[in-house]
Amino acid sequence: MSIGIFDSGIGGLTVFREINREFPDADIYYLGDTARVPYGNKSRETVIRYSIEAANYLKTFGIDALIIACNTASSYALEKLREIMDIPVIGVVEPGVETALKYTTNGRVGVIGTVATIKSNSYKKLLEKSGVQVFQKPCPLFVPLVEEGIVDGQIAELIIKEYLDELVDRGIDTLILGCTHYPLLKDSIKKLYPHLKIVDSSQAITDFLHRENLQLSGKGIRKIFITDESESFERFKNMLIGEIPLEKIEISQLCTL
């Protein structure tokens, strides 16, 4: 079985890493839309269009399932992609919510993400259906921190505290990392707030795939495509998943709509 994964940039590599570990025999095709990153500050209509283009490209490889490894795209484009694709389409929001509901003991959950993800209320709507109190916070500086490799140390910790002290003061016991870049800051967050149960969407997706009992066997093919040169992408790819070569594609190969 082959899996397609797309994200606007490097964040989805955390999802790739977990699936690579858990399903070594599956064929995995990853698309990082580095020419148009980030999606988090774009309109709903634009995010949906980019998501359809990414999905259509990955479908040319005969994928059996599609993972939207981007919280913004999951929030805006999931239902549209499920309408037009004839394969299972999995976003990061539903698995993250399921995990948070298992973790929380006091029913107070924090959600952090891009401006677009928080504005969409995608996590909030699902969590509140279960009677959970939700406290949200956009953290727009986290993505550039990760892109620049500043994931620990004084600068990272100061910015983390600037965003998260307010949520912790509200009494949350569980924090959803609502952006696939954010797991790279997880150790620093845990150091500052050791009592928090942290939901990493990349791990939540692999748990979800296990429960779905998909037949994830294949030849172990690994392909990673990007739409523009990116030093930070290559650096984090090497750090997270090793020496799988990058293949650059022209943006015109995606822009079919």
C-alpha atoms as a PDB file:
ATOM      1  CA  MET A   1       0.000   0.000   0.000  1.00  0.00           C
ATOM      2  CA  SER A   2       1.228   3.495  -0.740  1.00  0.00           C
ATOM      3  CA  ILE A   3       0.569   6.663   1.229  1.00  0.00           C
ATOM      4  CA  GLY A   4       0.668  10.234  -0.021  1.00  0.00           C
ATOM      5  CA  ILE A   5       1.496  13.011   2.448  1.00  0.00           C
ATOM      6  CA  PHE A   6       1.495  16.735   1.772  1.00  0.00           C
ATOM      7  CA  ASP A   7       2.259  19.886   3.715  1.00  0.00           C
ATOM      8  CA  SER A   8       3.188  23.449   2.902  1.00  0.00           C
ATOM      9  CA  GLY A   9       6.768  22.837   3.997  1.00  0.00           C
ATOM     10  CA  ILE A  10       8.909  21.015   6.541  1.00  0.00           C
ATOM     11  CA  GLY A  11       6.349  20.493   9.316  1.00  0.00           C
ATOM     12  CA  GLY A  12       4.834  17.427   7.691  1.00  0.00           C
ATOM     13  CA  LEU A  13       8.217  15.706   7.857  1.00  0.00           C
ATOM     14  CA  THR A  14       7.373  14.963  11.496  1.00  0.00           C
ATOM     15  CA  VAL A  15       4.403  12.953  10.179  1.00  0.00           C
ATOM     16  CA  PHE A  16       6.612  11.302   7.550  1.00  0.00           C
ATOM     17  CA  ARG A  17       9.100  10.326  10.269  1.00  0.00           C
ATOM     18  CA  GLU A  18       6.491   8.611  12.421  1.00  0.00           C
ATOM     19  CA  ILE A  19       4.883   6.733   9.505  1.00  0.00           C
ATOM     20  CA  ASN A  20       8.339   5.768   8.238  1.00  0.00           C
ATOM     21  CA  ARG A  21       9.107   4.244  11.642  1.00  0.00           C
ATOM     22  CA  GLU A  22       5.783   2.515  12.189  1.00  0.00           C
ATOM     23  CA  PHE A  23       5.168   1.225   8.663  1.00  0.00           C
ATOM     24  CA  PRO A  24       8.582   0.439   7.117  1.00  0.00           C
ATOM     25  CA  ASP A  25       7.117  -1.625   4.280  1.00  0.00           C
ATOM     26  CA  ALA A  26       4.643   1.010   3.073  1.00  0.00           C
ATOM     27  CA  ASP A  27       5.477   3.149   0.041  1.00  0.00           C
ATOM     28  CA  ILE A  28       5.488   6.829   1.074  1.00  0.00           C
ATOM     29  CA  TYR A  29       5.310   9.841  -1.234  1.00  0.00           C
ATOM     30  CA  TYR A  30       5.728  13.272   0.370  1.00  0.00           C
ATOM     31  CA  LEU A  31       5.120  16.688  -1.180  1.00  0.00           C
ATOM     32  CA  GLY A  32       6.364  19.841   0.545  1.00  0.00           C
ATOM     33  CA  ASP A  33       4.949  22.905  -1.198  1.00  0.00           C
ATOM     34  CA  THR A  34       7.986  25.014  -0.314  1.00  0.00           C
ATOM     35  CA  ALA A  35       7.336  27.538  -3.096  1.00  0.00           C
ATOM     36  CA  ARG A  36       4.058  28.596  -1.464  1.00  0.00           C
ATOM     37  CA  VAL A  37       4.787  28.109   2.234  1.00  0.00           C
ATOM     38  CA  PRO A  38       3.191  29.044   4.614  1.00  0.00           C
ATOM     39  CA  TYR A  39      -0.467  28.125   4.179  1.00  0.00           C
ATOM     40  CA  GLY A  40      -1.344  29.508   7.605  1.00  0.00           C
ATOM     41  CA  ASN A  41      -1.696  33.119   6.460  1.00  0.00           C
ATOM     42  CA  LYS A  42      -3.658  32.405   3.277  1.00  0.00           C
ATOM     43  CA  SER A  43      -7.398  32.506   2.614  1.00  0.00           C
ATOM     44  CA  ARG A  44      -9.643  29.453   2.863  1.00  0.00           C
ATOM     45  CA  GLU A  45     -10.172  29.464  -0.918  1.00  0.00           C
ATOM     46  CA  THR A  46      -6.442  29.556  -1.638  1.00  0.00           C
ATOM     47  CA  VAL A  47      -5.657  26.779   0.856  1.00  0.00           C
ATOM     48  CA  ILE A  48      -8.356  24.567  -0.673  1.00  0.00           C
ATOM     49  CA  ARG A  49      -6.974  25.159  -4.181  1.00  0.00           C
ATOM     50  CA  TYR A  50      -3.399  24.398  -3.135  1.00  0.00           C
ATOM     51  CA  SER A  51      -4.580  21.272  -1.308  1.00  0.00           C
ATOM     52  CA  ILE A  52      -6.464  19.939  -4.329  1.00  0.00           C
ATOM     53  CA  GLU A  53      -3.421  20.537  -6.519  1.00  0.00           C
ATOM     54  CA  ALA A  54      -1.141  18.695  -4.078  1.00  0.00           C
ATOM     55  CA  ALA A  55      -3.591  15.806  -3.774  1.00  0.00           C
ATOM     56  CA  ASN A  56      -3.949  15.480  -7.534  1.00  0.00           C
ATOM     57  CA  TYR A  57      -0.174  15.366  -7.966  1.00  0.00           C
ATOM     58  CA  LEU A  58       0.278  12.658  -5.342  1.00  0.00           C
ATOM     59  CA  LYS A  59      -2.577  10.664  -6.834  1.00  0.00           C
ATOM     60  CA  THR A  60      -0.493  10.169 -10.003  1.00  0.00           C
ATOM     61  CA  PHE A  61       1.628   7.722  -7.985  1.00  0.00           C
ATOM     62  CA  GLY A  62      -1.353   5.444  -7.362  1.00  0.00           C
ATOM     63  CA  ILE A  63      -1.568   6.197  -3.661  1.00  0.00           C
ATOM     64  CA  ASP A  64      -4.081   4.226  -1.580  1.00  0.00           C
ATOM     65  CA  ALA A  65      -4.512   6.842   1.164  1.00  0.00           C
ATOM     66  CA  LEU A  66      -3.811  10.561   1.535  1.00  0.00           C
ATOM     67  CA  ILE A  67      -2.631  12.279   4.702  1.00  0.00           C
ATOM     68  CA  ILE A  68      -3.005  16.042   5.018  1.00  0.00           C
ATOM     69  CA  ALA A  69       0.025  16.745   7.214  1.00  0.00           C
ATOM     70  CA  CYS A  70      -0.926  20.388   7.623  1.00  0.00           C
ATOM     71  CA  ASN A  71      -3.334  21.679  10.222  1.00  0.00           C
ATOM     72  CA  THR A  72      -4.426  24.646   8.113  1.00  0.00           C
ATOM     73  CA  ALA A  73      -5.204  22.423   5.122  1.00  0.00           C
ATOM     74  CA  SER A  74      -6.891  19.868   7.389  1.00  0.00           C
ATOM     75  CA  SER A  75      -9.059  22.629   8.830  1.00  0.00           C
ATOM     76  CA  TYR A  76     -10.073  24.115   5.480  1.00  0.00           C
ATOM     77  CA  ALA A  77      -9.763  21.421   2.802  1.00  0.00           C
ATOM     78  CA  LEU A  78     -10.450  18.031   4.421  1.00  0.00           C
ATOM     79  CA  GLU A  79     -14.119  17.765   3.513  1.00  0.00           C
ATOM     80  CA  LYS A  80     -13.523  18.975  -0.056  1.00  0.00           C
ATOM     81  CA  LEU A  81     -10.764  16.424  -0.591  1.00  0.00           C
ATOM     82  CA  ARG A  82     -12.945  13.660   0.819  1.00  0.00           C
ATOM     83  CA  GLU A  83     -15.603  14.649  -1.717  1.00  0.00           C
ATOM     84  CA  ILE A  84     -13.342  14.478  -4.760  1.00  0.00           C
ATOM     85  CA  MET A  85     -10.878  11.695  -3.848  1.00  0.00           C
ATOM     86  CA  ASP A  86     -11.831   8.035  -4.148  1.00  0.00           C
ATOM     87  CA  ILE A  87      -9.352   6.981  -1.444  1.00  0.00           C
ATOM     88  CA  PRO A  88      -9.278   7.539   2.336  1.00  0.00           C
ATOM     89  CA  VAL A  89      -8.250  11.104   3.248  1.00  0.00           C
ATOM     90  CA  ILE A  90      -6.916  11.627   6.759  1.00  0.00           C
ATOM     91  CA  GLY A  91      -6.321  15.009   8.364  1.00  0.00           C
ATOM     92  CA  VAL A  92      -4.421  15.818  11.529  1.00  0.00           C
ATOM     93  CA  VAL A  93      -7.309  17.381  13.457  1.00  0.00           C
ATOM     94  CA  GLU A  94      -9.478  14.346  14.216  1.00  0.00           C
ATOM     95  CA  PRO A  95      -6.601  12.127  15.468  1.00  0.00           C
ATOM     96  CA  GLY A  96      -5.324  14.993  17.626  1.00  0.00           C
ATOM     97  CA  VAL A  97      -8.748  15.539  19.188  1.00  0.00           C
ATOM     98  CA  GLU A  98      -9.160  11.820  19.920  1.00  0.00           C
ATOM     99  CA  THR A  99      -5.804  11.746  21.686  1.00  0.00           C
ATOM    100  CA  ALA A 100      -6.502  14.901  23.698  1.00  0.00           C
ATOM    101  CA  LEU A 101      -9.805  13.481  24.949  1.00  0.00           C
ATOM    102  CA  LYS A 102      -7.932  10.419  26.195  1.00  0.00           C
ATOM    103  CA  TYR A 103      -5.246  12.495  27.896  1.00  0.00           C
ATOM    104  CA  THR A 104      -7.216  15.196  29.725  1.00  0.00           C
ATOM    105  CA  THR A 105      -8.357  14.541  33.263  1.00  0.00           C
ATOM    106  CA  ASN A 106      -9.745  17.980  34.122  1.00  0.00           C
ATOM    107  CA  GLY A 107     -11.463  18.716  30.805  1.00  0.00           C
ATOM    108  CA  ARG A 108      -9.418  21.852  30.073  1.00  0.00           C
ATOM    109  CA  VAL A 109      -7.500  21.589  26.799  1.00  0.00           C
ATOM    110  CA  GLY A 110      -5.241  24.141  25.132  1.00  0.00           C
ATOM    111  CA  VAL A 111      -4.855  24.368  21.357  1.00  0.00           C
ATOM    112  CA  ILE A 112      -2.038  26.232  19.627  1.00  0.00           C
ATOM    113  CA  GLY A 113      -1.574  26.646  15.883  1.00  0.00           C
ATOM    114  CA  THR A 114      -1.308  29.058  12.999  1.00  0.00           C
ATOM    115  CA  VAL A 115      -3.651  32.019  12.777  1.00  0.00           C
ATOM    116  CA  ALA A 116      -5.712  30.197  10.129  1.00  0.00           C
ATOM    117  CA  THR A 117      -6.026  26.980  12.140  1.00  0.00           C
ATOM    118  CA  ILE A 118      -7.152  28.820  15.266  1.00  0.00           C
ATOM    119  CA  LYS A 119      -9.514  31.030  13.264  1.00  0.00           C
ATOM    120  CA  SER A 120     -11.138  27.945  11.722  1.00  0.00           C
ATOM    121  CA  ASN A 121     -12.070  26.596  15.212  1.00  0.00           C
ATOM    122  CA  SER A 122     -11.639  23.088  13.794  1.00  0.00           C
ATOM    123  CA  TYR A 123     -10.220  21.663  17.035  1.00  0.00           C
ATOM    124  CA  LYS A 124     -12.539  23.717  19.241  1.00  0.00           C
ATOM    125  CA  LYS A 125     -15.718  22.503  17.533  1.00  0.00           C
ATOM    126  CA  LEU A 126     -14.798  18.825  17.848  1.00  0.00           C
ATOM    127  CA  LEU A 127     -13.533  19.094  21.421  1.00  0.00           C
ATOM    128  CA  GLU A 128     -16.568  21.007  22.662  1.00  0.00           C
ATOM    129  CA  LYS A 129     -18.858  18.260  21.361  1.00  0.00           C
ATOM    130  CA  SER A 130     -17.412  16.153  24.185  1.00  0.00           C
ATOM    131  CA  GLY A 131     -17.968  18.847  26.795  1.00  0.00           C
ATOM    132  CA  VAL A 132     -14.335  19.890  27.013  1.00  0.00           C
ATOM    133  CA  GLN A 133     -13.353  23.489  27.767  1.00  0.00           C
ATOM    134  CA  VAL A 134     -11.040  24.763  25.035  1.00  0.00           C
ATOM    135  CA  PHE A 135      -8.494  27.585  25.265  1.00  0.00           C
ATOM    136  CA  GLN A 136      -6.889  28.561  21.963  1.00  0.00           C
ATOM    137  CA  LYS A 137      -3.865  30.642  21.034  1.00  0.00           C
ATOM    138  CA  PRO A 138      -2.285  31.403  17.651  1.00  0.00           C
ATOM    139  CA  CYS A 139       1.513  31.173  17.809  1.00  0.00           C
ATOM    140  CA  PRO A 140       2.731  32.690  14.525  1.00  0.00           C
ATOM    141  CA  LEU A 141       6.392  32.956  15.586  1.00  0.00           C
ATOM    142  CA  PHE A 142       6.741  29.211  16.182  1.00  0.00           C
ATOM    143  CA  VAL A 143       6.970  28.340  12.482  1.00  0.00           C
ATOM    144  CA  PRO A 144       9.864  30.710  11.691  1.00  0.00           C
ATOM    145  CA  LEU A 145      11.606  29.553  14.879  1.00  0.00           C
ATOM    146  CA  VAL A 146      11.494  25.965  13.675  1.00  0.00           C
ATOM    147  CA  GLU A 147      12.397  26.916  10.100  1.00  0.00           C
ATOM    148  CA  GLU A 148      15.513  28.658  11.444  1.00  0.00           C
ATOM    149  CA  GLY A 149      16.402  25.721  13.679  1.00  0.00           C
ATOM    150  CA  ILE A 150      15.860  27.653  16.921  1.00  0.00           C
ATOM    151  CA  VAL A 151      14.056  24.889  18.809  1.00  0.00           C
ATOM    152  CA  ASP A 152      15.735  25.230  22.217  1.00  0.00           C
ATOM    153  CA  GLY A 153      17.691  27.724  24.262  1.00  0.00           C
ATOM    154  CA  GLN A 154      16.814  31.129  25.674  1.00  0.00           C
ATOM    155  CA  ILE A 155      15.199  32.670  22.586  1.00  0.00           C
ATOM    156  CA  ALA A 156      12.907  29.685  22.008  1.00  0.00           C
ATOM    157  CA  GLU A 157      11.960  29.502  25.675  1.00  0.00           C
ATOM    158  CA  LEU A 158      11.138  33.215  25.910  1.00  0.00           C
ATOM    159  CA  ILE A 159       8.795  33.017  22.912  1.00  0.00           C
ATOM    160  CA  ILE A 160       7.195  29.809  24.167  1.00  0.00           C
ATOM    161  CA  LYS A 161       6.475  31.429  27.533  1.00  0.00           C
ATOM    162  CA  GLU A 162       5.095  34.548  25.855  1.00  0.00           C
ATOM    163  CA  TYR A 163       2.484  32.422  24.109  1.00  0.00           C
ATOM    164  CA  LEU A 164       1.809  29.600  26.555  1.00  0.00           C
ATOM    165  CA  ASP A 165       1.872  31.174  30.038  1.00  0.00           C
ATOM    166  CA  GLU A 166      -1.629  32.519  29.417  1.00  0.00           C
ATOM    167  CA  LEU A 167      -2.998  29.059  28.540  1.00  0.00           C
ATOM    168  CA  VAL A 168      -1.270  27.385  31.476  1.00  0.00           C
ATOM    169  CA  ASP A 169      -2.699  30.040  33.793  1.00  0.00           C
ATOM    170  CA  ARG A 170      -6.171  28.990  32.577  1.00  0.00           C
ATOM    171  CA  GLY A 171      -5.584  25.570  34.096  1.00  0.00           C
ATOM    172  CA  ILE A 172      -5.128  23.401  31.021  1.00  0.00           C
ATOM    173  CA  ASP A 173      -3.719  19.931  31.624  1.00  0.00           C
ATOM    174  CA  THR A 174      -3.420  18.960  27.939  1.00  0.00           C
ATOM    175  CA  LEU A 175      -1.948  20.910  25.008  1.00  0.00           C
ATOM    176  CA  ILE A 176      -2.583  20.109  21.349  1.00  0.00           C
ATOM    177  CA  LEU A 177       0.274  21.080  19.054  1.00  0.00           C
ATOM    178  CA  GLY A 178      -1.979  22.181  16.215  1.00  0.00           C
ATOM    179  CA  CYS A 179       0.761  22.614  13.633  1.00  0.00           C
ATOM    180  CA  THR A 180       3.137  19.936  12.368  1.00  0.00           C
ATOM    181  CA  HIS A 181       6.103  22.285  12.861  1.00  0.00           C
ATOM    182  CA  TYR A 182       5.445  22.445  16.585  1.00  0.00           C
ATOM    183  CA  PRO A 183       6.587  18.926  17.615  1.00  0.00           C
ATOM    184  CA  LEU A 184      10.131  20.153  17.042  1.00  0.00           C
ATOM    185  CA  LEU A 185       9.528  22.507  19.998  1.00  0.00           C
ATOM    186  CA  LYS A 186       7.981  19.777  22.143  1.00  0.00           C
ATOM    187  CA  ASP A 187      11.060  19.143  24.309  1.00  0.00           C
ATOM    188  CA  SER A 188      11.372  22.846  25.138  1.00  0.00           C
ATOM    189  CA  ILE A 189       7.664  23.095  25.935  1.00  0.00           C
ATOM    190  CA  LYS A 190       7.887  20.009  28.147  1.00  0.00           C
ATOM    191  CA  LYS A 191      10.907  21.461  29.950  1.00  0.00           C
ATOM    192  CA  LEU A 192       8.983  24.650  30.813  1.00  0.00           C
ATOM    193  CA  TYR A 193       5.670  22.941  31.634  1.00  0.00           C
ATOM    194  CA  PRO A 194       6.459  19.368  32.729  1.00  0.00           C
ATOM    195  CA  HIS A 195       2.914  18.788  34.008  1.00  0.00           C
ATOM    196  CA  LEU A 196       1.314  19.223  30.578  1.00  0.00           C
ATOM    197  CA  LYS A 197       0.220  16.258  28.507  1.00  0.00           C
ATOM    198  CA  ILE A 198       1.253  17.169  24.977  1.00  0.00           C
ATOM    199  CA  VAL A 199      -0.587  15.929  21.898  1.00  0.00           C
ATOM    200  CA  ASP A 200       1.790  15.543  18.958  1.00  0.00           C
ATOM    201  CA  SER A 201      -0.328  15.278  15.803  1.00  0.00           C
ATOM    202  CA  SER A 202       2.305  13.200  13.993  1.00  0.00           C
ATOM    203  CA  GLN A 203       2.129  10.474  16.642  1.00  0.00           C
ATOM    204  CA  ALA A 204      -1.658  10.754  16.789  1.00  0.00           C
ATOM    205  CA  ILE A 205      -1.884   9.976  13.069  1.00  0.00           C
ATOM    206  CA  THR A 206       0.143   6.759  13.349  1.00  0.00           C
ATOM    207  CA  ASP A 207      -2.082   5.630  16.225  1.00  0.00           C
ATOM    208  CA  PHE A 208      -5.089   6.408  14.027  1.00  0.00           C
ATOM    209  CA  LEU A 209      -3.648   4.382  11.120  1.00  0.00           C
ATOM    210  CA  HIS A 210      -3.053   1.395  13.411  1.00  0.00           C
ATOM    211  CA  ARG A 211      -6.689   1.490  14.547  1.00  0.00           C
ATOM    212  CA  GLU A 212      -7.929   1.676  10.945  1.00  0.00           C
ATOM    213  CA  ASN A 213      -6.158  -1.635  10.223  1.00  0.00           C
ATOM    214  CA  LEU A 214      -5.016  -0.483   6.780  1.00  0.00           C
ATOM    215  CA  GLN A 215      -2.850  -2.966   4.918  1.00  0.00           C
ATOM    216  CA  LEU A 216       0.263  -0.802   4.858  1.00  0.00           C
ATOM    217  CA  SER A 217       2.627  -3.091   2.984  1.00  0.00           C
ATOM    218  CA  GLY A 218       4.546  -2.354  -0.200  1.00  0.00           C
ATOM    219  CA  LYS A 219       8.121  -2.132  -1.450  1.00  0.00           C
ATOM    220  CA  GLY A 220       9.306   0.444   1.056  1.00  0.00           C
ATOM    221  CA  ILE A 221       9.605   3.191  -1.576  1.00  0.00           C
ATOM    222  CA  ARG A 222      10.402   6.657  -0.195  1.00  0.00           C
ATOM    223  CA  LYS A 223      10.000   9.767  -2.364  1.00  0.00           C
ATOM    224  CA  ILE A 224      10.157  13.405  -1.214  1.00  0.00           C
ATOM    225  CA  PHE A 225       9.210  16.223  -3.567  1.00  0.00           C
ATOM    226  CA  ILE A 226       9.557  19.977  -3.043  1.00  0.00           C
ATOM    227  CA  THR A 227       8.345  22.862  -5.200  1.00  0.00           C
ATOM    228  CA  ASP A 228      11.299  25.178  -4.534  1.00  0.00           C
ATOM    229  CA  GLU A 229      14.818  24.960  -3.154  1.00  0.00           C
ATOM    230  CA  SER A 230      14.878  25.198   0.638  1.00  0.00           C
ATOM    231  CA  GLU A 231      17.961  24.914   2.840  1.00  0.00           C
ATOM    232  CA  SER A 232      15.864  24.608   5.993  1.00  0.00           C
ATOM    233  CA  PHE A 233      13.811  21.798   4.440  1.00  0.00           C
ATOM    234  CA  GLU A 234      16.912  19.828   3.502  1.00  0.00           C
ATOM    235  CA  ARG A 235      18.485  20.426   6.911  1.00  0.00           C
ATOM    236  CA  PHE A 236      15.448  19.175   8.800  1.00  0.00           C
ATOM    237  CA  LYS A 237      14.903  16.297   6.399  1.00  0.00           C
ATOM    238  CA  ASN A 238      18.435  15.086   7.115  1.00  0.00           C
ATOM    239  CA  MET A 239      17.930  15.552  10.855  1.00  0.00           C
ATOM    240  CA  LEU A 240      14.521  13.847  11.026  1.00  0.00           C
ATOM    241  CA  ILE A 241      14.607  11.090   8.432  1.00  0.00           C
ATOM    242  CA  GLY A 242      18.102  10.821   6.973  1.00  0.00           C
ATOM    243  CA  GLU A 243      19.487  10.791   3.484  1.00  0.00           C
ATOM    244  CA  ILE A 244      16.379  10.248   1.371  1.00  0.00           C
ATOM    245  CA  PRO A 245      17.077  12.417  -1.720  1.00  0.00           C
ATOM    246  CA  LEU A 246      14.916  15.419  -2.547  1.00  0.00           C
ATOM    247  CA  GLU A 247      13.318  15.817  -5.955  1.00  0.00           C
ATOM    248  CA  LYS A 248      12.370  19.328  -7.045  1.00  0.00           C
ATOM    249  CA  ILE A 249       9.293  19.688  -9.229  1.00  0.00           C
ATOM    250  CA  GLU A 250       8.123  22.782 -11.062  1.00  0.00           C
ATOM    251  CA  ILE A 251       5.185  24.618  -9.528  1.00  0.00           C
ATOM    252  CA  SER A 252       3.556  24.451 -12.953  1.00  0.00           C
ATOM    253  CA  GLN A 253       3.194  20.690 -12.421  1.00  0.00           C
ATOM    254  CA  LEU A 254       0.782  21.468  -9.570  1.00  0.00           C
ATOM    255  CA  CYS A 255      -1.058  24.510 -10.897  1.00  0.00           C
ATOM    256  CA  THR A 256      -3.761  22.708 -12.837  1.00  0.00           C
ATOM    257  CA  LEU A 257      -6.824  24.528 -11.458  1.00  0.00           C
END
